Amino acid sequence: MGWELAKDNLTNELRNYRLVQRLGEEKASSLLPGWDLTDEAVFPGFTLTAEDIDSTVSFIASLDRAEKIGAISFSGSNNWAVSGARSETGKPILSNDMHLGLSIHVRKGNGLLPRSGETDEYDWKGYVPFEMLPSSYNPENGFVSSANEQTVTADYPYYIAGDFATPWRIIRIRQMAAEKQILGIDDFRRMITDNHSAYAAKMTPMILEAARGIDSPDEALQKAIDLLEAWDYNMDASLAAPTIFEFTRAGLARNILYDELGDLYGGVLGRQHDHYLFRILNEGADGWVDNNATVETETLGDMMVLSLRNAVDTLTSRYGTDTDNWRWGEIHSITLEHPMGSVKMVEKLLRLNSKKYSVGGSYHTVEPYSFGPDFSSDHGASERHIFNTADWDKSLTVIPTGTSGNPGSPFYLSQTEAYINNEFFAEPFTDGAVEAAKKFEIIFRPSSER
């Protein structure tokens, strides 16, 4: 995990630097979230050459290739547990995947670009006072929620981070959390496995509104429009509408931005284009929308129609005219790989990986199933927990693999089917419940007691 976080941060900084070089600070600031570059110049005289950047990116890629043969770096835990003796309710607070300590460094600028180290101008200058750290104390709505979105509003006086998720998942989480005054275990089971897309709920009606201006759509395009019209915005594996949406969404970002970004589009932005799309979906079109390569002045609606047409053409050419073959689960899948399972010969001999599963969801749903260019899921929830604070022994849990990483163990990939099917296992907590539920016991003793 240590390498994964550091690698991504370094790669993002180099990509951001290239983006500023190409576009200038003002235009780069309009494209990416949390940027305010216009009031701070890059350190005078400090320049990264293309060779510097390429050699660093090549080094990172070489370590990624090492991971494919099992050389994986992992360090530390991202779990917190706060005693009930230190909480207002007397109940313990458990947090997973926090990534941050209890302190924030004070520094000049936003940390999103490489800076010169010749002076201490951009060094850390102490810490944000504890009492000024972001916090929420007994909020009126009765809950605190997070989904990797922006931590604070723009008026917060200290810089925290510029790499955060678009707010689609937190929008949906807060919608569900506000449905009832009191939420029970069944509610949280539904919430934690929810694949309704707030992203699709926002964009799809706009696509359909633009599509009403299409004269005499052909059969395939009309079928796609009909499927989107009937859709409830759930990213279910059995539906074709999620596939049409994902292809149209990706095409919209490319159709709007590629004419000016060119080769920087995929390499620099990654899914940062989703932040841009979030902004124009909520605030309206801007100067990026018009295609500079054409004589006409395109509107956002024009670009949505173009992207929908592109999506249908691509799906038809890849999967045929039968929309059953467009179903999201036919395209979007997950295979859980052992570190050595990515080596084809080893996998062929030992069968270390799981089978291939069709899955719903997406990177913008509460139940996350992110994916790469081939739509294979490459990131998701590493564990699901529902803690019953009224009776800890009635808590629920499931992980995507099993409690053993040994392929010869009966507990290797033993929870995968339950995880894929959104099922849970009981999680005994008290000593008596653990004793009653245990199947095996292992005792570690110091060598002096052998």
Protein backbone atom coordinates (compact mmCIF):
# COMPACT_ATOMS: atom_id res chain seq x y z
CA MET A 1 0.00 0.00 0.00
CA GLY A 2 2.86 2.36 0.77
CA TRP A 3 4.20 2.01 -2.78
CA GLU A 4 0.72 2.26 -4.34
CA LEU A 5 0.02 5.59 -2.62
CA ALA A 6 3.47 7.06 -3.29
CA LYS A 7 3.49 5.88 -6.91
CA ASP A 8 0.12 7.43 -7.65
CA ASN A 9 1.03 10.73 -6.01
CA LEU A 10 4.31 11.01 -7.93
CA THR A 11 2.68 10.06 -11.22
CA ASN A 12 -0.10 12.60 -10.71
CA GLU A 13 2.38 15.40 -9.97
CA LEU A 14 4.32 14.70 -13.16
CA ARG A 15 1.13 14.56 -15.20
CA ASN A 16 -0.11 17.80 -13.68
CA TYR A 17 3.19 19.45 -14.54
CA ARG A 18 2.84 18.40 -18.17
CA LEU A 19 -0.71 19.72 -18.21
CA VAL A 20 0.38 23.16 -16.95
CA GLN A 21 3.21 23.24 -19.46
CA ARG A 22 0.78 22.54 -22.30
CA LEU A 23 -2.19 24.69 -21.27
CA GLY A 24 -0.85 27.30 -18.91
CA GLU A 25 -1.88 27.66 -15.28
CA GLU A 26 -5.21 29.40 -15.79
CA LYS A 27 -6.66 26.87 -18.22
CA ALA A 28 -5.29 23.92 -16.25
CA SER A 29 -6.99 25.36 -13.17
CA SER A 30 -10.33 25.40 -15.02
CA LEU A 31 -10.05 21.72 -15.84
CA LEU A 32 -8.99 19.99 -12.64
CA PRO A 33 -10.62 20.08 -9.19
CA GLY A 34 -9.26 21.98 -6.24
CA TRP A 35 -6.69 23.89 -8.27
CA ASP A 36 -5.87 27.51 -7.66
CA LEU A 37 -2.62 27.94 -9.53
CA THR A 38 -3.00 31.45 -10.86
CA ASP A 39 -1.71 33.12 -7.68
CA GLU A 40 1.51 31.13 -7.35
CA ALA A 41 4.09 30.75 -10.07
CA VAL A 42 6.23 27.68 -10.46
CA PHE A 43 9.59 28.32 -8.82
CA PRO A 44 11.57 30.66 -11.09
CA GLY A 45 14.14 28.83 -13.13
CA PHE A 46 12.86 25.41 -12.09
CA THR A 47 12.08 23.23 -15.09
CA LEU A 48 11.51 19.53 -15.60
CA THR A 49 12.60 18.36 -19.02
CA ALA A 50 10.64 15.81 -21.01
CA GLU A 51 13.54 13.40 -20.41
CA ASP A 52 13.26 13.89 -16.63
CA ILE A 53 9.57 13.10 -16.70
CA ASP A 54 9.85 10.16 -19.10
CA SER A 55 12.63 8.52 -17.08
CA THR A 56 10.62 8.79 -13.86
CA VAL A 57 7.47 7.45 -15.48
CA SER A 58 9.52 4.61 -16.97
CA PHE A 59 10.90 3.78 -13.51
CA ILE A 60 7.39 3.64 -12.05
CA ALA A 61 6.26 1.41 -14.91
CA SER A 62 9.16 -0.97 -14.27
CA LEU A 63 8.03 -1.43 -10.68
CA ASP A 64 4.48 -2.04 -11.88
CA ARG A 65 5.83 -4.79 -14.10
CA ALA A 66 7.63 -6.26 -11.12
CA GLU A 67 4.29 -6.54 -9.35
CA LYS A 68 3.03 -8.76 -12.15
CA ILE A 69 5.56 -11.43 -11.19
CA GLY A 70 4.76 -11.20 -7.51
CA ALA A 71 7.20 -8.51 -6.29
CA ILE A 72 4.65 -6.42 -4.41
CA SER A 73 5.38 -3.69 -1.87
CA PHE A 74 2.99 -3.44 1.07
CA SER A 75 3.28 -1.56 4.31
CA GLY A 76 1.16 -0.51 7.21
CA SER A 77 -2.51 -0.43 8.10
CA ASN A 78 -5.11 2.21 7.44
CA ASN A 79 -7.41 1.23 10.29
CA TRP A 80 -8.30 3.33 13.33
CA ALA A 81 -10.01 2.33 16.56
CA VAL A 82 -10.94 4.99 19.14
CA SER A 83 -11.97 3.88 22.61
CA GLY A 84 -15.51 4.59 23.77
CA ALA A 85 -13.94 6.29 26.78
CA ARG A 86 -12.94 9.09 24.40
CA SER A 87 -16.23 9.48 22.49
CA GLU A 88 -19.33 11.50 23.35
CA THR A 89 -21.65 8.47 23.17
CA GLY A 90 -19.38 6.10 25.05
CA LYS A 91 -19.26 3.88 21.98
CA PRO A 92 -16.00 3.08 20.17
CA ILE A 93 -15.30 4.63 16.78
CA LEU A 94 -13.92 2.36 14.06
CA SER A 95 -12.54 3.76 10.80
CA ASN A 96 -11.07 1.99 7.81
CA ASP A 97 -8.81 3.19 5.00
CA MET A 98 -8.24 6.65 6.45
CA HIS A 99 -4.86 7.35 4.79
CA LEU A 100 -4.21 10.33 7.09
CA GLY A 101 -2.74 10.84 10.53
CA LEU A 102 -3.97 13.27 13.16
CA SER A 103 -1.99 16.15 11.69
CA ILE A 104 -1.86 18.25 8.52
CA HIS A 105 1.33 19.96 7.39
CA VAL A 106 1.30 23.67 6.59
CA ARG A 107 2.97 24.47 3.29
CA LYS A 108 2.95 26.99 0.50
CA GLY A 109 0.74 26.20 -2.47
CA ASN A 110 -1.23 23.07 -3.07
CA GLY A 111 1.41 20.36 -3.49
CA LEU A 112 0.04 19.26 -6.86
CA LEU A 113 3.16 20.15 -8.85
CA PRO A 114 6.85 19.29 -8.46
CA ARG A 115 8.73 22.16 -6.81
CA SER A 116 12.36 23.13 -6.54
CA GLY A 117 14.17 21.97 -3.42
CA GLU A 118 16.96 24.55 -3.74
CA THR A 119 15.40 26.64 -0.96
CA ASP A 120 12.94 25.96 1.84
CA GLU A 121 10.16 28.00 0.18
CA TYR A 122 7.95 24.96 -0.40
CA ASP A 123 9.00 22.95 2.66
CA TRP A 124 6.50 21.99 5.33
CA LYS A 125 6.24 24.75 7.95
CA GLY A 126 4.81 22.99 10.96
CA TYR A 127 1.29 21.70 11.48
CA VAL A 128 -2.27 23.00 11.38
CA PRO A 129 -3.36 23.63 15.00
CA PHE A 130 -5.38 20.71 16.31
CA GLU A 131 -8.43 22.84 17.08
CA MET A 132 -8.51 23.96 13.42
CA LEU A 133 -8.48 20.47 11.94
CA PRO A 134 -11.68 19.59 10.05
CA SER A 135 -14.21 18.02 12.38
CA SER A 136 -17.89 17.31 12.88
CA TYR A 137 -19.33 17.25 16.40
CA ASN A 138 -22.79 15.78 16.89
CA PRO A 139 -24.11 17.01 13.50
CA GLU A 140 -27.80 17.84 13.26
CA ASN A 141 -28.50 15.19 10.64
CA GLY A 142 -27.29 12.52 13.06
CA PHE A 143 -24.49 10.96 11.03
CA VAL A 144 -21.05 11.54 9.54
CA SER A 145 -20.30 10.10 6.10
CA SER A 146 -17.38 10.02 3.70
CA ALA A 147 -16.60 8.48 0.31
CA ASN A 148 -13.17 9.98 -0.47
CA GLU A 149 -14.78 13.25 -1.53
CA GLN A 150 -13.37 16.73 -0.88
CA THR A 151 -12.86 17.10 2.87
CA VAL A 152 -13.58 20.80 3.34
CA THR A 153 -15.14 23.72 1.49
CA ALA A 154 -13.16 26.32 -0.43
CA ASP A 155 -13.11 28.78 2.48
CA TYR A 156 -11.03 26.46 4.71
CA PRO A 157 -7.75 28.37 5.32
CA TYR A 158 -5.33 25.44 4.90
CA TYR A 159 -4.63 23.21 1.94
CA ILE A 160 -5.41 19.54 2.58
CA ALA A 161 -5.46 17.71 -0.75
CA GLY A 162 -6.20 18.14 -4.42
CA ASP A 163 -6.83 14.52 -5.32
CA PHE A 164 -10.31 13.43 -4.28
CA ALA A 165 -13.27 11.54 -5.67
CA THR A 166 -16.14 13.12 -7.52
CA PRO A 167 -19.09 13.32 -5.11
CA TRP A 168 -21.43 10.85 -6.83
CA ARG A 169 -21.01 8.12 -4.20
CA ILE A 170 -21.42 10.46 -1.23
CA ILE A 171 -24.52 11.99 -2.83
CA ARG A 172 -26.10 8.54 -2.96
CA ILE A 173 -24.94 7.59 0.54
CA ARG A 174 -26.54 10.70 2.01
CA GLN A 175 -29.73 10.14 0.03
CA MET A 176 -30.11 6.69 1.59
CA ALA A 177 -29.02 7.79 5.05
CA ALA A 178 -31.72 10.50 5.05
CA GLU A 179 -34.53 8.10 4.12
CA LYS A 180 -35.28 7.16 7.74
CA GLN A 181 -34.83 8.59 11.18
CA ILE A 182 -33.57 5.23 12.45
CA LEU A 183 -31.62 2.82 10.25
CA GLY A 184 -31.30 -0.88 10.99
CA ILE A 185 -29.02 -3.72 9.93
CA ASP A 186 -31.09 -4.49 6.84
CA ASP A 187 -30.87 -0.85 5.77
CA PHE A 188 -27.10 -0.94 5.97
CA ARG A 189 -26.96 -4.23 4.08
CA ARG A 190 -28.85 -2.52 1.28
CA MET A 191 -26.73 0.62 1.47
CA ILE A 192 -23.36 -1.09 1.44
CA THR A 193 -24.28 -3.13 -1.66
CA ASP A 194 -26.16 -0.35 -3.47
CA ASN A 195 -25.31 0.13 -7.16
CA HIS A 196 -27.64 3.02 -7.99
CA SER A 197 -25.64 5.68 -9.84
CA ALA A 198 -26.17 9.34 -8.96
CA TYR A 199 -23.85 10.06 -11.91
CA ALA A 200 -26.20 8.32 -14.33
CA ALA A 201 -29.24 9.89 -12.66
CA LYS A 202 -27.78 13.33 -13.40
CA MET A 203 -26.42 12.76 -16.90
CA THR A 204 -28.90 10.37 -18.52
CA PRO A 205 -31.91 12.74 -18.58
CA MET A 206 -29.67 15.35 -20.22
CA ILE A 207 -28.58 12.82 -22.86
CA LEU A 208 -32.19 11.88 -23.53
CA GLU A 209 -33.24 15.51 -23.78
CA ALA A 210 -30.53 16.11 -26.36
CA ALA A 211 -31.49 12.90 -28.21
CA ARG A 212 -35.02 14.19 -28.78
CA GLY A 213 -33.57 16.43 -31.46
CA ILE A 214 -32.31 13.48 -33.53
CA ASP A 215 -34.19 13.13 -36.81
CA SER A 216 -35.12 9.53 -37.70
CA PRO A 217 -32.63 7.59 -35.52
CA ASP A 218 -31.73 4.18 -36.93
CA GLU A 219 -32.90 0.99 -35.24
CA ALA A 220 -29.83 0.48 -33.04
CA LEU A 221 -29.78 4.09 -31.86
CA GLN A 222 -33.52 4.05 -31.12
CA LYS A 223 -33.14 0.83 -29.12
CA ALA A 224 -30.38 2.43 -27.05
CA ILE A 225 -32.57 5.48 -26.41
CA ASP A 226 -35.48 3.23 -25.37
CA LEU A 227 -33.26 1.31 -22.94
CA LEU A 228 -32.04 4.54 -21.35
CA GLU A 229 -35.62 5.87 -21.13
CA ALA A 230 -36.72 2.77 -19.18
CA TRP A 231 -33.67 2.69 -16.90
CA ASP A 232 -33.80 3.31 -13.15
CA TYR A 233 -30.06 4.19 -13.02
CA ASN A 234 -29.09 0.99 -11.20
CA MET A 235 -25.83 -0.42 -12.54
CA ASP A 236 -27.18 -3.97 -12.59
CA ALA A 237 -25.15 -6.65 -14.34
CA SER A 238 -28.29 -7.92 -16.12
CA LEU A 239 -29.01 -4.60 -17.89
CA ALA A 240 -27.66 -3.08 -21.11
CA ALA A 241 -28.44 0.52 -20.12
CA PRO A 242 -25.43 0.79 -17.75
CA THR A 243 -23.16 -0.20 -20.65
CA ILE A 244 -24.67 2.42 -22.94
CA PHE A 245 -24.24 5.02 -20.22
CA GLU A 246 -20.59 4.14 -19.50
CA PHE A 247 -19.62 4.20 -23.19
CA THR A 248 -21.48 7.49 -23.71
CA ARG A 249 -19.96 9.05 -20.57
CA ALA A 250 -16.43 8.13 -21.60
CA GLY A 251 -17.06 9.34 -25.14
CA LEU A 252 -18.44 12.66 -23.93
CA ALA A 253 -15.29 13.46 -21.98
CA ARG A 254 -13.10 12.53 -24.93
CA ASN A 255 -15.20 14.38 -27.51
CA ILE A 256 -15.07 17.57 -25.44
CA LEU A 257 -11.45 17.55 -24.30
CA TYR A 258 -9.38 15.64 -26.84
CA ASP A 259 -9.34 18.34 -29.51
CA GLU A 260 -7.29 20.59 -27.22
CA LEU A 261 -5.44 18.06 -25.06
CA GLY A 262 -4.42 15.56 -27.73
CA ASP A 263 -1.96 13.02 -26.37
CA LEU A 264 -2.34 14.42 -22.84
CA TYR A 265 -5.99 13.40 -22.64
CA GLY A 266 -5.71 9.81 -21.41
CA GLY A 267 -2.27 9.98 -19.81
CA VAL A 268 -2.73 13.12 -17.76
CA LEU A 269 -6.35 13.20 -16.78
CA GLY A 270 -7.18 9.61 -16.01
CA ARG A 271 -10.62 9.89 -14.42
CA GLN A 272 -10.03 13.53 -13.53
CA HIS A 273 -12.23 14.20 -16.53
CA ASP A 274 -15.12 13.13 -14.29
CA HIS A 275 -14.52 16.24 -12.16
CA TYR A 276 -14.79 18.33 -15.27
CA LEU A 277 -18.00 16.58 -16.36
CA PHE A 278 -19.43 17.02 -12.85
CA ARG A 279 -18.86 20.75 -13.12
CA ILE A 280 -20.44 21.25 -16.53
CA LEU A 281 -23.38 18.97 -15.71
CA ASN A 282 -24.14 21.19 -12.74
CA GLU A 283 -22.97 24.60 -13.95
CA GLY A 284 -23.42 24.39 -17.72
CA ALA A 285 -21.12 24.34 -20.73
CA ASP A 286 -17.87 26.29 -20.94
CA GLY A 287 -15.21 27.08 -23.52
CA TRP A 288 -13.97 23.50 -23.65
CA VAL A 289 -17.23 22.16 -25.11
CA ASP A 290 -16.91 23.56 -28.62
CA ASN A 291 -14.73 21.45 -30.89
CA ASN A 292 -11.93 23.65 -32.18
CA ALA A 293 -11.41 21.34 -35.16
CA THR A 294 -14.81 22.13 -36.70
CA VAL A 295 -16.35 25.25 -38.21
CA GLU A 296 -19.60 24.85 -36.27
CA THR A 297 -20.01 25.90 -32.64
CA GLU A 298 -21.05 22.77 -30.76
CA THR A 299 -23.29 22.86 -27.70
CA LEU A 300 -23.22 20.42 -24.80
CA GLY A 301 -26.32 18.78 -26.27
CA ASP A 302 -24.54 18.35 -29.60
CA MET A 303 -21.64 16.64 -27.88
CA MET A 304 -23.99 14.35 -25.94
CA VAL A 305 -25.71 13.25 -29.15
CA LEU A 306 -22.36 12.65 -30.83
CA SER A 307 -21.18 10.61 -27.84
CA LEU A 308 -24.38 8.53 -27.77
CA ARG A 309 -24.00 7.80 -31.49
CA ASN A 310 -20.35 6.86 -30.96
CA ALA A 311 -21.31 4.56 -28.08
CA VAL A 312 -23.94 2.73 -30.13
CA ASP A 313 -21.57 2.36 -33.10
CA THR A 314 -18.83 0.96 -30.85
CA LEU A 315 -21.15 -1.46 -29.05
CA THR A 316 -22.62 -2.67 -32.34
CA SER A 317 -19.21 -3.25 -33.89
CA ARG A 318 -17.86 -5.07 -30.83
CA TYR A 319 -20.86 -7.05 -29.60
CA GLY A 320 -23.37 -7.10 -32.46
CA THR A 321 -26.89 -5.73 -32.75
CA ASP A 322 -28.43 -7.98 -30.06
CA THR A 323 -28.55 -5.74 -26.97
CA ASP A 324 -28.53 -8.82 -24.71
CA ASN A 325 -24.84 -8.95 -25.59
CA TRP A 326 -24.50 -5.37 -24.32
CA ARG A 327 -25.52 -6.31 -20.78
CA TRP A 328 -23.20 -4.72 -18.24
CA GLY A 329 -22.25 -8.03 -16.63
CA GLU A 330 -21.22 -9.44 -20.01
CA ILE A 331 -18.64 -6.66 -20.33
CA HIS A 332 -17.85 -5.73 -16.72
CA SER A 333 -16.25 -8.59 -14.76
CA ILE A 334 -13.85 -9.38 -11.95
CA THR A 335 -11.20 -12.05 -11.47
CA LEU A 336 -9.41 -12.18 -8.12
CA GLU A 337 -5.74 -12.78 -8.84
CA HIS A 338 -3.09 -14.35 -6.63
CA PRO A 339 0.19 -12.35 -6.84
CA MET A 340 1.69 -15.20 -8.85
CA GLY A 341 -1.49 -15.82 -10.82
CA SER A 342 -0.67 -13.04 -13.27
CA VAL A 343 2.19 -15.21 -14.58
CA LYS A 344 0.38 -17.19 -17.25
CA MET A 345 2.43 -20.36 -16.98
CA VAL A 346 2.10 -20.46 -13.18
CA GLU A 347 -1.64 -19.86 -13.39
CA LYS A 348 -2.07 -22.56 -16.02
CA LEU A 349 -0.30 -25.10 -13.81
CA LEU A 350 -1.61 -24.16 -10.37
CA ARG A 351 -4.96 -22.38 -10.97
CA LEU A 352 -4.33 -19.75 -8.31
CA ASN A 353 -6.89 -17.19 -9.49
CA SER A 354 -10.62 -17.17 -8.96
CA LYS A 355 -13.00 -17.78 -11.82
CA LYS A 356 -14.33 -14.80 -13.78
CA TYR A 357 -17.45 -13.20 -12.28
CA SER A 358 -19.92 -10.85 -13.93
CA VAL A 359 -20.55 -7.86 -11.69
CA GLY A 360 -22.63 -4.71 -11.63
CA GLY A 361 -21.75 -1.41 -9.99
CA SER A 362 -19.04 0.99 -11.10
CA TYR A 363 -16.45 3.33 -9.65
CA HIS A 364 -19.21 5.91 -9.04
CA THR A 365 -21.60 3.63 -7.11
CA VAL A 366 -21.63 3.00 -3.34
CA GLU A 367 -20.76 -0.62 -4.06
CA PRO A 368 -17.56 0.14 -5.95
CA TYR A 369 -16.33 -1.92 -8.87
CA SER A 370 -13.81 0.28 -10.68
CA PHE A 371 -12.44 -0.93 -14.00
CA GLY A 372 -9.66 -0.48 -16.51
CA PRO A 373 -9.74 -0.03 -20.30
CA ASP A 374 -11.01 -3.60 -20.85
CA PHE A 375 -13.78 -3.09 -18.25
CA SER A 376 -12.32 -5.76 -15.94
CA SER A 377 -12.74 -4.62 -12.36
CA ASP A 378 -9.42 -3.61 -10.82
CA HIS A 379 -10.48 -1.95 -7.57
CA GLY A 380 -13.28 -2.32 -5.04
CA ALA A 381 -14.20 -2.79 -1.40
CA SER A 382 -11.49 -4.83 0.32
CA GLU A 383 -13.92 -5.66 3.12
CA ARG A 384 -17.53 -5.00 4.08
CA HIS A 385 -18.53 -4.62 7.72
CA ILE A 386 -21.78 -3.77 9.46
CA PHE A 387 -21.19 -3.29 13.20
CA ASN A 388 -24.19 -3.81 15.47
CA THR A 389 -23.40 -1.64 18.49
CA ALA A 390 -26.50 -2.91 20.32
CA ASP A 391 -25.22 -6.49 20.10
CA TRP A 392 -21.68 -6.77 18.77
CA ASP A 393 -22.05 -10.52 18.19
CA LYS A 394 -24.70 -9.79 15.56
CA SER A 395 -22.28 -7.80 13.43
CA LEU A 396 -21.78 -8.87 9.80
CA THR A 397 -18.73 -9.07 7.56
CA VAL A 398 -17.45 -10.40 4.27
CA ILE A 399 -14.20 -10.07 2.31
CA PRO A 400 -13.67 -10.73 -1.40
CA THR A 401 -11.20 -13.58 -0.93
CA GLY A 402 -10.83 -15.62 2.25
CA THR A 403 -8.92 -15.58 5.51
CA SER A 404 -6.00 -17.51 4.00
CA GLY A 405 -3.69 -16.57 1.16
CA ASN A 406 -2.54 -20.19 0.85
CA PRO A 407 -4.13 -21.75 -2.25
CA GLY A 408 -4.09 -25.12 -0.50
CA SER A 409 -6.21 -23.90 2.40
CA PRO A 410 -9.99 -24.50 2.56
CA PHE A 411 -10.23 -20.80 3.49
CA TYR A 412 -8.59 -19.61 0.26
CA LEU A 413 -11.22 -17.69 -1.77
CA SER A 414 -13.79 -19.21 0.58
CA GLN A 415 -15.82 -15.98 0.84
CA THR A 416 -15.70 -14.95 -2.82
CA GLU A 417 -19.10 -16.32 -3.85
CA ALA A 418 -20.77 -14.65 -0.86
CA TYR A 419 -19.03 -11.36 -1.62
CA ILE A 420 -20.06 -11.39 -5.28
CA ASN A 421 -23.67 -12.23 -4.31
CA ASN A 422 -23.80 -9.47 -1.66
CA GLU A 423 -24.06 -11.92 1.22
CA PHE A 424 -22.51 -11.67 4.69
CA PHE A 425 -21.18 -13.85 7.48
CA ALA A 426 -21.78 -13.43 11.19
CA GLU A 427 -18.85 -11.77 12.95
CA PRO A 428 -18.64 -12.93 16.58
CA PHE A 429 -17.09 -10.35 18.86
CA THR A 430 -17.28 -11.32 22.53
CA ASP A 431 -14.99 -14.02 23.95
CA GLY A 432 -17.88 -16.45 24.40
CA ALA A 433 -19.16 -15.99 20.86
CA VAL A 434 -15.69 -16.38 19.39
CA GLU A 435 -15.11 -19.54 21.42
CA ALA A 436 -18.42 -21.03 20.27
CA ALA A 437 -17.81 -20.21 16.60
CA LYS A 438 -14.16 -21.22 16.26
CA LYS A 439 -13.20 -24.09 13.99
CA PHE A 440 -9.47 -24.17 14.66
CA GLU A 441 -7.09 -22.68 17.19
CA ILE A 442 -3.44 -21.76 16.88
CA ILE A 443 -1.32 -20.80 19.88
CA PHE A 444 1.93 -18.83 19.60
CA ARG A 445 4.38 -19.14 22.48
CA PRO A 446 7.81 -17.61 23.11
CA SER A 447 10.69 -19.96 22.35
CA SER A 448 11.57 -20.11 26.07
CA GLU A 449 8.27 -21.93 26.76
CA ARG A 450 8.77 -24.67 24.18
